[in-house]
Amino acid sequence: MTGSDPERQSGPWTRADWLVAGALFAGTFLSRIPFRTTLLYAWDSVLYTRALEDFNVAEQRPHPPGHIFYVGLVKLVNMAIGDPNAALVWVSVFFAAAAAAALYWLGRTMLGRHIGLLAALLLASSMSFWAYSEVAYPYTLMAFLSIVVAGLIYRAWEGRDSYVLPAALALALAAGFRQDLLLFLLPALIAGLWGKARLRVLGAAILLVLGVAAWYVPAALLSGGFAAYREASSRQGSYVIDSASVFGQGLEALWSNSYTFGRFMLLALTAAAAPLAFFLLYLAGRRQRWLRRDRRLLFLALWALPAVIFFVFVHVGEFGYVFSLLPPVLLAAAWGTAFLARAIAESFTGDLLKGKIFAALAAALVAVNLALFLVPGLPFSADRLAARDNILGARLDAVRENFDPRTTLIVTVFDYQQVSYYLPEYGSWNFDPALDSHPVTTVPGKIRQVVIF
């Protein structure tokens, strides 16, 4: 094998690229419509919904640090449709489609059309990414923002000084939707600023501060002031550090977080795990020193590694958390597919059918992803999403039809927020005897029925 890329960077953006990006957006968007969930999916989904009515991080509307721009965006959508869950879900659907189109743009810029297209298709068809496109969660929006900000930083990284200020401002504003993006992408921004003129770096720093202030100040003011906001955020951070990080739980947390992170990534990668493994093995080969020195590879590492370090050593609490680093990992997987196609072609056809082999491999990977989402019974499959909706709805209906709210107490753990939101006329306790320091308790005297939800 020669030491050249399977595909070099393409030229200027063309009409064909616009058509491809538009098709990716439309196809991803339309594919989500039949599978949208109709009830609030999880604990945090209810907290976001309550924040639409009265934003206050100090009172868990929503949980710290608040994601105030996300709440504001959903509120605008909800003003148009009048259904909080539907507004949250439509935001997820829209930004899943936008993320696929954006990843094509960035992949094409870095690695060429075919690799960019495959990475976008792998993202759109990823099992957990597809599932989270259908529920009231902000993680597809996080993926989109990660791609856009990384794309702007990459342009600055390439030496295009005009992208320095937009990249810094975009990162600061993106943090208003998901604050963890600031932590994860700041190292890449710093690398992109390296060697730039001092005045431009100073301007980037000023924009970064102003952009952060644009969401920090209103979030604090709406949460009872700066002291209350800092206190709520500090409590949340201390809880995570004490309960989930290596600093609070030692080596046990390192093993637990590593296992959880690996499982979450596998469900996000699905079929792309195979070409990613090939890429890593190929990268480790003694003859591939030229590839290890490739600045594009270094940029992908700078994009992904801060999040990996955080998840392994501190906390990875939700399947959607990994979507901030899923795009660079999928770009690496698509890049690996191109190397694999070339290796097969050179072994059997003398490099003549490399393009057709790449297309066949790409089609097979996407087909596997589609099957994993559509085949019943698998984690995050379409039928699991529908079952979650149906079971929660049936339980809520059963309580309403069979129990008097004046004499009934509902006891639940994981569904407590949904119960308190959909059944506000009932008394409800969030009680887990396995974790409670006093597992024996007394119900109020007027209660005649206790429902274990």
Protein backbone atom coordinates (compact mmCIF):
# COMPACT_ATOMS: atom_id res chain seq x y z
CA MET A 1 0.00 0.00 0.00
CA THR A 2 1.19 3.48 -0.75
CA GLY A 3 1.20 6.17 1.90
CA SER A 4 -1.45 8.37 0.33
CA ASP A 5 -4.98 9.15 1.32
CA PRO A 6 -7.81 7.15 -0.27
CA GLU A 7 -9.43 10.51 -1.00
CA ARG A 8 -8.05 14.01 -0.90
CA GLN A 9 -9.95 17.12 0.08
CA SER A 10 -12.39 18.34 -2.54
CA GLY A 11 -12.58 21.76 -4.15
CA PRO A 12 -15.12 24.51 -3.55
CA TRP A 13 -18.67 23.77 -2.42
CA THR A 14 -20.84 23.11 -5.46
CA ARG A 15 -24.50 22.86 -6.37
CA ALA A 16 -24.19 19.08 -6.10
CA ASP A 17 -23.02 19.46 -2.51
CA TRP A 18 -26.04 21.59 -1.68
CA LEU A 19 -28.27 18.90 -3.17
CA VAL A 20 -26.56 16.18 -1.14
CA ALA A 21 -26.81 18.17 2.08
CA GLY A 22 -30.46 18.97 1.37
CA ALA A 23 -31.23 15.33 0.66
CA LEU A 24 -29.53 14.27 3.89
CA PHE A 25 -31.57 16.81 5.85
CA ALA A 26 -34.85 15.88 4.19
CA GLY A 27 -34.29 12.14 4.38
CA THR A 28 -33.28 12.23 8.05
CA PHE A 29 -36.15 14.54 8.95
CA LEU A 30 -38.81 12.47 7.15
CA SER A 31 -37.48 9.19 8.55
CA ARG A 32 -38.11 10.44 12.09
CA ILE A 33 -41.74 11.47 11.68
CA PRO A 34 -43.37 8.01 12.02
CA PHE A 35 -41.55 7.18 15.27
CA ARG A 36 -42.01 10.34 17.35
CA THR A 37 -42.92 9.72 20.98
CA THR A 38 -45.99 11.40 22.45
CA LEU A 39 -45.22 11.39 26.19
CA LEU A 40 -42.34 12.96 28.08
CA TYR A 41 -39.55 10.41 27.84
CA ALA A 42 -37.56 10.84 31.03
CA TRP A 43 -37.04 12.70 34.29
CA ASP A 44 -35.15 15.58 32.65
CA SER A 45 -37.78 15.89 29.93
CA VAL A 46 -40.28 16.95 32.60
CA LEU A 47 -37.79 19.41 34.10
CA TYR A 48 -37.37 21.07 30.70
CA THR A 49 -41.14 21.21 30.33
CA ARG A 50 -41.55 22.89 33.71
CA ALA A 51 -38.83 25.36 32.73
CA LEU A 52 -40.99 26.48 29.79
CA GLU A 53 -43.49 27.82 32.30
CA ASP A 54 -41.04 29.27 34.84
CA PHE A 55 -37.28 29.00 34.33
CA ASN A 56 -35.47 28.69 37.67
CA VAL A 57 -32.39 26.50 37.98
CA ALA A 58 -32.36 26.89 41.78
CA GLU A 59 -35.71 25.04 41.84
CA GLN A 60 -34.77 22.40 39.24
CA ARG A 61 -36.64 24.02 36.36
CA PRO A 62 -34.57 22.64 34.74
CA HIS A 63 -31.61 21.01 36.48
CA PRO A 64 -28.33 22.99 36.63
CA PRO A 65 -26.72 24.53 34.69
CA GLY A 66 -30.02 25.12 32.93
CA HIS A 67 -29.34 25.13 29.16
CA ILE A 68 -31.27 28.38 28.91
CA PHE A 69 -30.93 28.82 25.13
CA TYR A 70 -32.33 25.31 24.60
CA VAL A 71 -35.29 26.09 26.86
CA GLY A 72 -35.83 29.36 25.03
CA LEU A 73 -35.76 27.65 21.63
CA VAL A 74 -38.26 25.01 22.73
CA LYS A 75 -40.47 27.73 24.20
CA LEU A 76 -40.60 29.47 20.82
CA VAL A 77 -41.60 26.21 19.13
CA ASN A 78 -44.17 25.50 21.84
CA MET A 79 -45.76 28.92 21.30
CA ALA A 80 -46.53 27.78 17.75
CA ILE A 81 -47.83 24.27 18.49
CA GLY A 82 -49.04 24.38 22.11
CA ASP A 83 -47.73 20.96 23.16
CA PRO A 84 -44.53 20.93 25.27
CA ASN A 85 -43.59 17.33 24.55
CA ALA A 86 -44.21 17.76 20.84
CA ALA A 87 -42.13 20.95 20.85
CA LEU A 88 -39.22 19.15 22.53
CA VAL A 89 -39.49 16.23 20.10
CA TRP A 90 -39.71 18.42 16.99
CA VAL A 91 -36.53 20.20 18.09
CA SER A 92 -34.86 16.79 18.39
CA VAL A 93 -36.09 15.77 14.93
CA PHE A 94 -35.02 19.00 13.26
CA PHE A 95 -31.51 19.04 14.69
CA ALA A 96 -30.94 15.36 13.98
CA ALA A 97 -31.54 16.22 10.32
CA ALA A 98 -29.39 19.36 10.59
CA ALA A 99 -26.58 17.35 12.22
CA ALA A 100 -26.51 14.88 9.32
CA ALA A 101 -26.26 17.71 6.78
CA ALA A 102 -23.63 19.51 8.87
CA LEU A 103 -21.48 16.40 9.20
CA TYR A 104 -21.50 16.01 5.43
CA TRP A 105 -20.28 19.62 5.15
CA LEU A 106 -17.46 19.11 7.61
CA GLY A 107 -16.53 15.63 6.37
CA ARG A 108 -16.39 16.86 2.80
CA THR A 109 -14.23 19.80 3.89
CA MET A 110 -11.77 17.60 5.76
CA LEU A 111 -11.75 14.27 3.96
CA GLY A 112 -13.72 14.48 0.74
CA ARG A 113 -17.24 13.93 -0.54
CA HIS A 114 -17.53 10.17 -0.19
CA ILE A 115 -16.18 10.05 3.35
CA GLY A 116 -18.32 13.01 4.38
CA LEU A 117 -21.42 11.39 2.93
CA LEU A 118 -20.77 8.06 4.63
CA ALA A 119 -20.14 9.72 8.00
CA ALA A 120 -23.42 11.63 7.67
CA LEU A 121 -25.35 8.48 6.78
CA LEU A 122 -23.79 6.61 9.69
CA LEU A 123 -24.86 9.41 12.04
CA ALA A 124 -28.40 9.55 10.67
CA SER A 125 -28.83 5.78 10.95
CA SER A 126 -27.05 5.30 14.31
CA MET A 127 -29.39 3.35 16.58
CA SER A 128 -29.20 5.49 19.71
CA PHE A 129 -28.92 8.75 17.75
CA TRP A 130 -32.07 7.84 15.83
CA ALA A 131 -33.88 6.93 19.04
CA TYR A 132 -32.89 10.20 20.71
CA SER A 133 -34.16 12.03 17.62
CA GLU A 134 -37.64 10.86 18.62
CA VAL A 135 -37.78 11.93 22.28
CA ALA A 136 -37.82 15.05 24.44
CA TYR A 137 -34.08 15.40 24.94
CA PRO A 138 -31.46 17.96 23.74
CA TYR A 139 -28.77 15.58 22.56
CA THR A 140 -29.27 15.73 18.78
CA LEU A 141 -29.03 19.51 19.10
CA MET A 142 -25.79 19.02 21.02
CA ALA A 143 -24.40 16.89 18.17
CA PHE A 144 -25.32 19.56 15.62
CA LEU A 145 -23.68 22.32 17.63
CA SER A 146 -20.58 20.22 18.18
CA ILE A 147 -20.22 19.73 14.42
CA VAL A 148 -20.79 23.39 13.52
CA VAL A 149 -18.43 24.75 16.15
CA ALA A 150 -15.78 22.15 15.30
CA GLY A 151 -16.14 23.03 11.61
CA LEU A 152 -15.48 26.71 12.28
CA ILE A 153 -12.52 25.86 14.51
CA TYR A 154 -11.14 23.56 11.81
CA ARG A 155 -11.18 26.40 9.30
CA ALA A 156 -9.15 28.51 11.74
CA TRP A 157 -6.92 25.48 12.37
CA GLU A 158 -6.25 25.32 8.61
CA GLY A 159 -4.95 28.89 8.74
CA ARG A 160 -8.03 30.84 7.68
CA ASP A 161 -7.83 33.71 10.12
CA SER A 162 -11.28 35.05 9.25
CA TYR A 163 -12.82 32.06 11.07
CA VAL A 164 -11.15 32.76 14.42
CA LEU A 165 -13.72 35.22 15.75
CA PRO A 166 -16.80 33.32 14.48
CA ALA A 167 -15.43 30.10 16.00
CA ALA A 168 -14.93 31.69 19.43
CA LEU A 169 -18.37 33.31 19.42
CA ALA A 170 -20.07 30.13 18.16
CA LEU A 171 -18.51 28.08 20.95
CA ALA A 172 -19.62 30.55 23.62
CA LEU A 173 -23.19 30.68 22.31
CA ALA A 174 -23.36 26.91 21.82
CA ALA A 175 -22.60 26.58 25.53
CA GLY A 176 -25.89 28.35 26.21
CA PHE A 177 -27.62 25.30 24.74
CA ARG A 178 -25.25 22.72 26.28
CA GLN A 179 -22.62 23.97 28.71
CA ASP A 180 -20.49 20.83 28.39
CA LEU A 181 -19.60 21.84 24.82
CA LEU A 182 -17.52 24.70 26.22
CA LEU A 183 -15.43 22.25 28.22
CA PHE A 184 -15.11 19.71 25.42
CA LEU A 185 -14.29 22.06 22.52
CA LEU A 186 -12.20 24.70 24.25
CA PRO A 187 -8.93 22.73 23.75
CA ALA A 188 -9.61 22.56 20.00
CA LEU A 189 -10.32 26.30 19.92
CA ILE A 190 -7.08 27.04 21.75
CA ALA A 191 -5.23 24.91 19.20
CA GLY A 192 -6.98 26.78 16.41
CA LEU A 193 -5.84 30.10 17.90
CA TRP A 194 -2.23 28.96 18.14
CA GLY A 195 0.08 31.18 16.13
CA LYS A 196 -2.60 33.73 15.27
CA ALA A 197 -2.05 37.47 15.63
CA ARG A 198 -2.33 38.73 19.20
CA LEU A 199 -5.08 41.20 18.38
CA ARG A 200 -7.17 38.45 16.79
CA VAL A 201 -6.62 36.15 19.77
CA LEU A 202 -7.64 38.97 22.11
CA GLY A 203 -10.78 39.54 20.06
CA ALA A 204 -11.61 35.85 20.26
CA ALA A 205 -11.17 35.90 24.04
CA ILE A 206 -13.46 38.95 24.36
CA LEU A 207 -16.14 37.33 22.19
CA LEU A 208 -15.86 34.14 24.21
CA VAL A 209 -16.47 36.02 27.45
CA LEU A 210 -19.33 38.09 26.00
CA GLY A 211 -20.94 35.00 24.49
CA VAL A 212 -20.82 33.15 27.81
CA ALA A 213 -22.24 36.20 29.59
CA ALA A 214 -25.13 36.22 27.10
CA TRP A 215 -26.49 33.01 28.64
CA TYR A 216 -24.93 33.03 32.10
CA VAL A 217 -26.38 36.39 33.18
CA PRO A 218 -30.03 35.72 32.24
CA ALA A 219 -29.85 32.17 33.62
CA ALA A 220 -28.61 33.52 36.95
CA LEU A 221 -31.11 36.39 37.10
CA LEU A 222 -34.02 34.05 36.39
CA SER A 223 -32.78 31.66 39.10
CA GLY A 224 -32.83 34.07 42.02
CA GLY A 225 -29.54 35.83 41.36
CA PHE A 226 -25.90 34.97 40.84
CA ALA A 227 -25.39 33.49 44.31
CA ALA A 228 -28.39 31.18 44.02
CA TYR A 229 -27.36 30.10 40.51
CA ARG A 230 -23.79 29.37 41.60
CA GLU A 231 -25.04 27.46 44.63
CA ALA A 232 -27.38 25.29 42.56
CA SER A 233 -24.67 24.59 39.98
CA SER A 234 -22.14 23.86 42.73
CA ARG A 235 -24.49 21.36 44.41
CA GLN A 236 -25.04 19.58 41.11
CA GLY A 237 -21.32 19.47 40.41
CA SER A 238 -20.48 18.25 43.90
CA TYR A 239 -23.07 15.48 43.65
CA VAL A 240 -21.58 14.27 40.35
CA ILE A 241 -18.01 14.42 41.67
CA ASP A 242 -18.86 12.62 44.91
CA SER A 243 -21.10 9.92 43.43
CA ALA A 244 -19.64 9.15 40.00
CA SER A 245 -16.07 10.37 39.55
CA VAL A 246 -12.73 8.84 40.38
CA PHE A 247 -12.19 11.74 42.78
CA GLY A 248 -15.16 10.63 44.85
CA GLN A 249 -15.35 6.89 44.22
CA GLY A 250 -11.78 5.97 43.29
CA LEU A 251 -10.88 3.14 40.91
CA GLU A 252 -14.37 1.68 41.13
CA ALA A 253 -15.65 4.76 39.29
CA LEU A 254 -12.93 4.42 36.66
CA TRP A 255 -14.08 0.90 35.83
CA SER A 256 -17.77 1.77 36.01
CA ASN A 257 -17.44 4.90 33.87
CA SER A 258 -15.23 3.14 31.31
CA TYR A 259 -17.69 0.27 30.95
CA THR A 260 -20.66 2.63 30.69
CA PHE A 261 -18.90 4.86 28.19
CA GLY A 262 -17.94 1.87 26.05
CA ARG A 263 -21.51 0.57 26.07
CA PHE A 264 -22.95 3.98 25.18
CA MET A 265 -20.46 4.39 22.34
CA LEU A 266 -21.17 0.93 20.96
CA LEU A 267 -24.91 1.67 20.81
CA ALA A 268 -24.16 4.96 19.07
CA LEU A 269 -21.62 3.54 16.62
CA THR A 270 -23.53 0.32 15.84
CA ALA A 271 -22.23 -0.89 12.45
CA ALA A 272 -19.57 1.84 12.33
CA ALA A 273 -17.68 0.07 15.14
CA ALA A 274 -16.20 -2.37 12.59
CA PRO A 275 -14.53 0.17 10.25
CA LEU A 276 -13.49 2.22 13.29
CA ALA A 277 -11.66 -0.82 14.68
CA PHE A 278 -10.00 -1.34 11.28
CA PHE A 279 -8.94 2.32 11.21
CA LEU A 280 -7.36 2.10 14.66
CA LEU A 281 -5.48 -1.08 13.71
CA TYR A 282 -4.41 0.47 10.43
CA LEU A 283 -3.27 3.58 12.27
CA ALA A 284 -1.14 1.45 14.60
CA GLY A 285 0.75 -0.16 11.70
CA ARG A 286 4.44 0.62 11.40
CA ARG A 287 4.06 1.81 7.81
CA GLN A 288 1.44 4.44 8.68
CA ARG A 289 3.62 7.06 10.34
CA TRP A 290 2.56 9.52 7.63
CA LEU A 291 -1.06 9.13 8.74
CA ARG A 292 -0.25 9.67 12.41
CA ARG A 293 1.31 12.99 11.44
CA ASP A 294 -1.78 14.08 9.48
CA ARG A 295 -3.16 17.32 10.96
CA ARG A 296 -6.71 16.20 10.22
CA LEU A 297 -6.24 13.18 12.44
CA LEU A 298 -4.84 15.40 15.17
CA PHE A 299 -7.87 17.67 14.89
CA LEU A 300 -10.29 14.74 15.24
CA ALA A 301 -8.38 13.67 18.35
CA LEU A 302 -8.52 17.19 19.84
CA TRP A 303 -12.26 17.22 19.17
CA ALA A 304 -12.99 13.85 20.76
CA LEU A 305 -10.46 13.28 23.55
CA PRO A 306 -11.56 15.95 26.08
CA ALA A 307 -15.04 14.39 26.20
CA VAL A 308 -13.57 10.88 26.46
CA ILE A 309 -11.39 11.93 29.41
CA PHE A 310 -14.33 13.58 31.16
CA PHE A 311 -16.64 10.60 30.68
CA VAL A 312 -14.08 8.08 31.89
CA PHE A 313 -12.79 9.99 34.90
CA VAL A 314 -15.82 12.07 35.93
CA HIS A 315 -19.27 11.10 34.69
CA VAL A 316 -21.25 9.76 31.74
CA GLY A 317 -24.88 9.69 32.80
CA GLU A 318 -26.96 9.43 29.63
CA PHE A 319 -26.71 7.60 26.31
CA GLY A 320 -26.96 10.95 24.53
CA TYR A 321 -23.92 12.40 26.29
CA VAL A 322 -21.62 10.72 23.77
CA PHE A 323 -23.19 12.56 20.83
CA SER A 324 -20.76 15.44 21.37
CA LEU A 325 -17.90 13.17 20.25
CA LEU A 326 -19.83 10.80 18.00
CA PRO A 327 -19.30 12.98 14.87
CA PRO A 328 -15.46 12.91 14.93
CA VAL A 329 -15.52 9.19 15.73
CA LEU A 330 -17.83 8.56 12.76
CA LEU A 331 -15.55 10.61 10.53
CA ALA A 332 -12.71 8.32 11.61
CA ALA A 333 -14.89 5.27 10.91
CA ALA A 334 -15.78 6.55 7.43
CA TRP A 335 -12.11 7.31 6.81
CA GLY A 336 -11.30 3.76 7.89
CA THR A 337 -13.90 2.43 5.44
CA ALA A 338 -12.04 4.19 2.62
CA PHE A 339 -8.75 2.61 3.70
CA LEU A 340 -10.45 -0.79 3.95
CA ALA A 341 -11.92 -0.42 0.46
CA ARG A 342 -8.49 0.42 -0.92
CA ALA A 343 -6.90 -2.53 0.88
CA ILE A 344 -9.49 -4.93 -0.57
CA ALA A 345 -9.15 -3.44 -4.04
CA GLU A 346 -5.36 -3.65 -4.06
CA SER A 347 -5.47 -7.24 -2.82
CA PHE A 348 -7.94 -8.55 -5.38
CA THR A 349 -8.50 -6.12 -8.23
CA GLY A 350 -5.39 -3.99 -8.43
CA ASP A 351 -7.13 -0.83 -7.19
CA LEU A 352 -9.50 -0.76 -10.16
CA LEU A 353 -12.74 -1.23 -8.21
CA LYS A 354 -11.88 0.81 -5.12
CA GLY A 355 -14.84 3.18 -5.57
CA LYS A 356 -17.34 0.36 -6.05
CA ILE A 357 -15.99 -1.55 -3.06
CA PHE A 358 -16.26 1.58 -0.91
CA ALA A 359 -19.88 2.06 -2.06
CA ALA A 360 -20.70 -1.57 -1.28
CA LEU A 361 -19.15 -1.34 2.18
CA ALA A 362 -20.99 1.93 2.86
CA ALA A 363 -24.31 0.46 1.77
CA ALA A 364 -23.77 -2.59 3.98
CA LEU A 365 -22.96 -0.46 7.04
CA VAL A 366 -26.03 1.74 6.62
CA ALA A 367 -28.23 -1.30 5.95
CA VAL A 368 -27.07 -2.91 9.20
CA ASN A 369 -27.85 0.29 11.09
CA LEU A 370 -31.33 0.49 9.60
CA ALA A 371 -32.00 -3.12 10.51
CA LEU A 372 -30.83 -2.59 14.10
CA PHE A 373 -33.30 0.26 14.55
CA LEU A 374 -36.22 -1.42 12.78
CA VAL A 375 -35.82 -5.00 14.05
CA PRO A 376 -38.03 -5.48 17.15
CA GLY A 377 -36.61 -6.08 20.61
CA LEU A 378 -33.18 -4.51 20.34
CA PRO A 379 -32.11 -1.62 22.60
CA PHE A 380 -33.34 1.71 21.19
CA SER A 381 -35.23 0.00 18.39
CA ALA A 382 -38.40 1.58 17.04
CA ASP A 383 -40.66 -0.86 18.86
CA ARG A 384 -38.92 -0.13 22.17
CA LEU A 385 -39.69 3.57 21.75
CA ALA A 386 -43.34 2.81 21.01
CA ALA A 387 -43.52 0.39 23.94
CA ARG A 388 -42.18 3.02 26.33
CA ASP A 389 -44.90 5.42 25.22
CA ASN A 390 -47.65 2.80 25.34
CA ILE A 391 -46.71 1.37 28.73
CA LEU A 392 -46.40 4.78 30.39
CA GLY A 393 -49.72 5.87 28.89
CA ALA A 394 -51.44 2.65 30.00
CA ARG A 395 -50.18 3.04 33.56
CA LEU A 396 -51.36 6.63 33.75
CA ASP A 397 -54.79 5.64 32.41
CA ALA A 398 -55.03 2.73 34.85
CA VAL A 399 -54.42 5.03 37.80
CA ARG A 400 -56.97 7.59 36.61
CA GLU A 401 -59.64 4.94 35.97
CA ASN A 402 -59.23 2.87 39.14
CA PHE A 403 -58.01 5.07 41.99
CA ASP A 404 -59.48 8.06 43.79
CA PRO A 405 -56.87 10.87 43.92
CA ARG A 406 -58.16 11.93 47.36
CA THR A 407 -57.21 8.62 48.99
CA THR A 408 -54.39 7.34 46.75
CA LEU A 409 -50.64 7.74 47.08
CA ILE A 410 -48.38 6.90 44.13
CA VAL A 411 -44.89 5.70 44.99
CA THR A 412 -42.30 5.64 42.25
CA VAL A 413 -38.60 6.11 41.54
CA PHE A 414 -37.58 6.62 37.91
CA ASP A 415 -40.98 7.82 36.67
CA TYR A 416 -41.61 10.23 39.52
CA GLN A 417 -41.41 13.38 37.40
CA GLN A 418 -43.77 11.99 34.75
CA VAL A 419 -46.23 10.93 37.45
CA SER A 420 -46.17 14.32 39.16
CA TYR A 421 -46.61 16.05 35.77
CA TYR A 422 -49.35 13.91 34.26
CA LEU A 423 -51.16 13.08 37.53
CA PRO A 424 -50.86 16.31 39.53
CA GLU A 425 -54.12 15.65 41.40
CA TYR A 426 -52.58 12.59 43.08
CA GLY A 427 -50.14 12.58 45.94
CA SER A 428 -46.82 11.10 44.81
CA TRP A 429 -43.58 10.14 46.51
CA ASN A 430 -40.17 9.65 44.97
CA PHE A 431 -39.09 6.82 47.26
CA ASP A 432 -36.46 4.13 46.73
CA PRO A 433 -36.04 1.89 49.80
CA ALA A 434 -32.80 0.50 48.36
CA LEU A 435 -31.18 3.93 48.62
CA ASP A 436 -33.14 5.67 51.36
CA SER A 437 -31.38 5.90 54.71
CA HIS A 438 -34.74 5.22 56.43
CA PRO A 439 -36.36 2.51 54.26
CA VAL A 440 -39.39 2.23 56.56
CA THR A 441 -41.86 5.09 56.35
CA THR A 442 -45.47 5.93 57.24
CA VAL A 443 -48.09 7.05 54.74
CA PRO A 444 -50.59 9.81 55.61
CA GLY A 445 -53.70 8.70 57.49
CA LYS A 446 -56.18 9.62 54.74
CA ILE A 447 -54.48 7.27 52.26
CA ARG A 448 -56.39 4.07 51.50
CA GLN A 449 -54.47 2.85 48.46
CA VAL A 450 -50.75 2.94 47.65
CA VAL A 451 -49.88 2.47 43.97
CA ILE A 452 -46.37 1.24 43.20
CA PHE A 453 -45.79 2.87 39.81
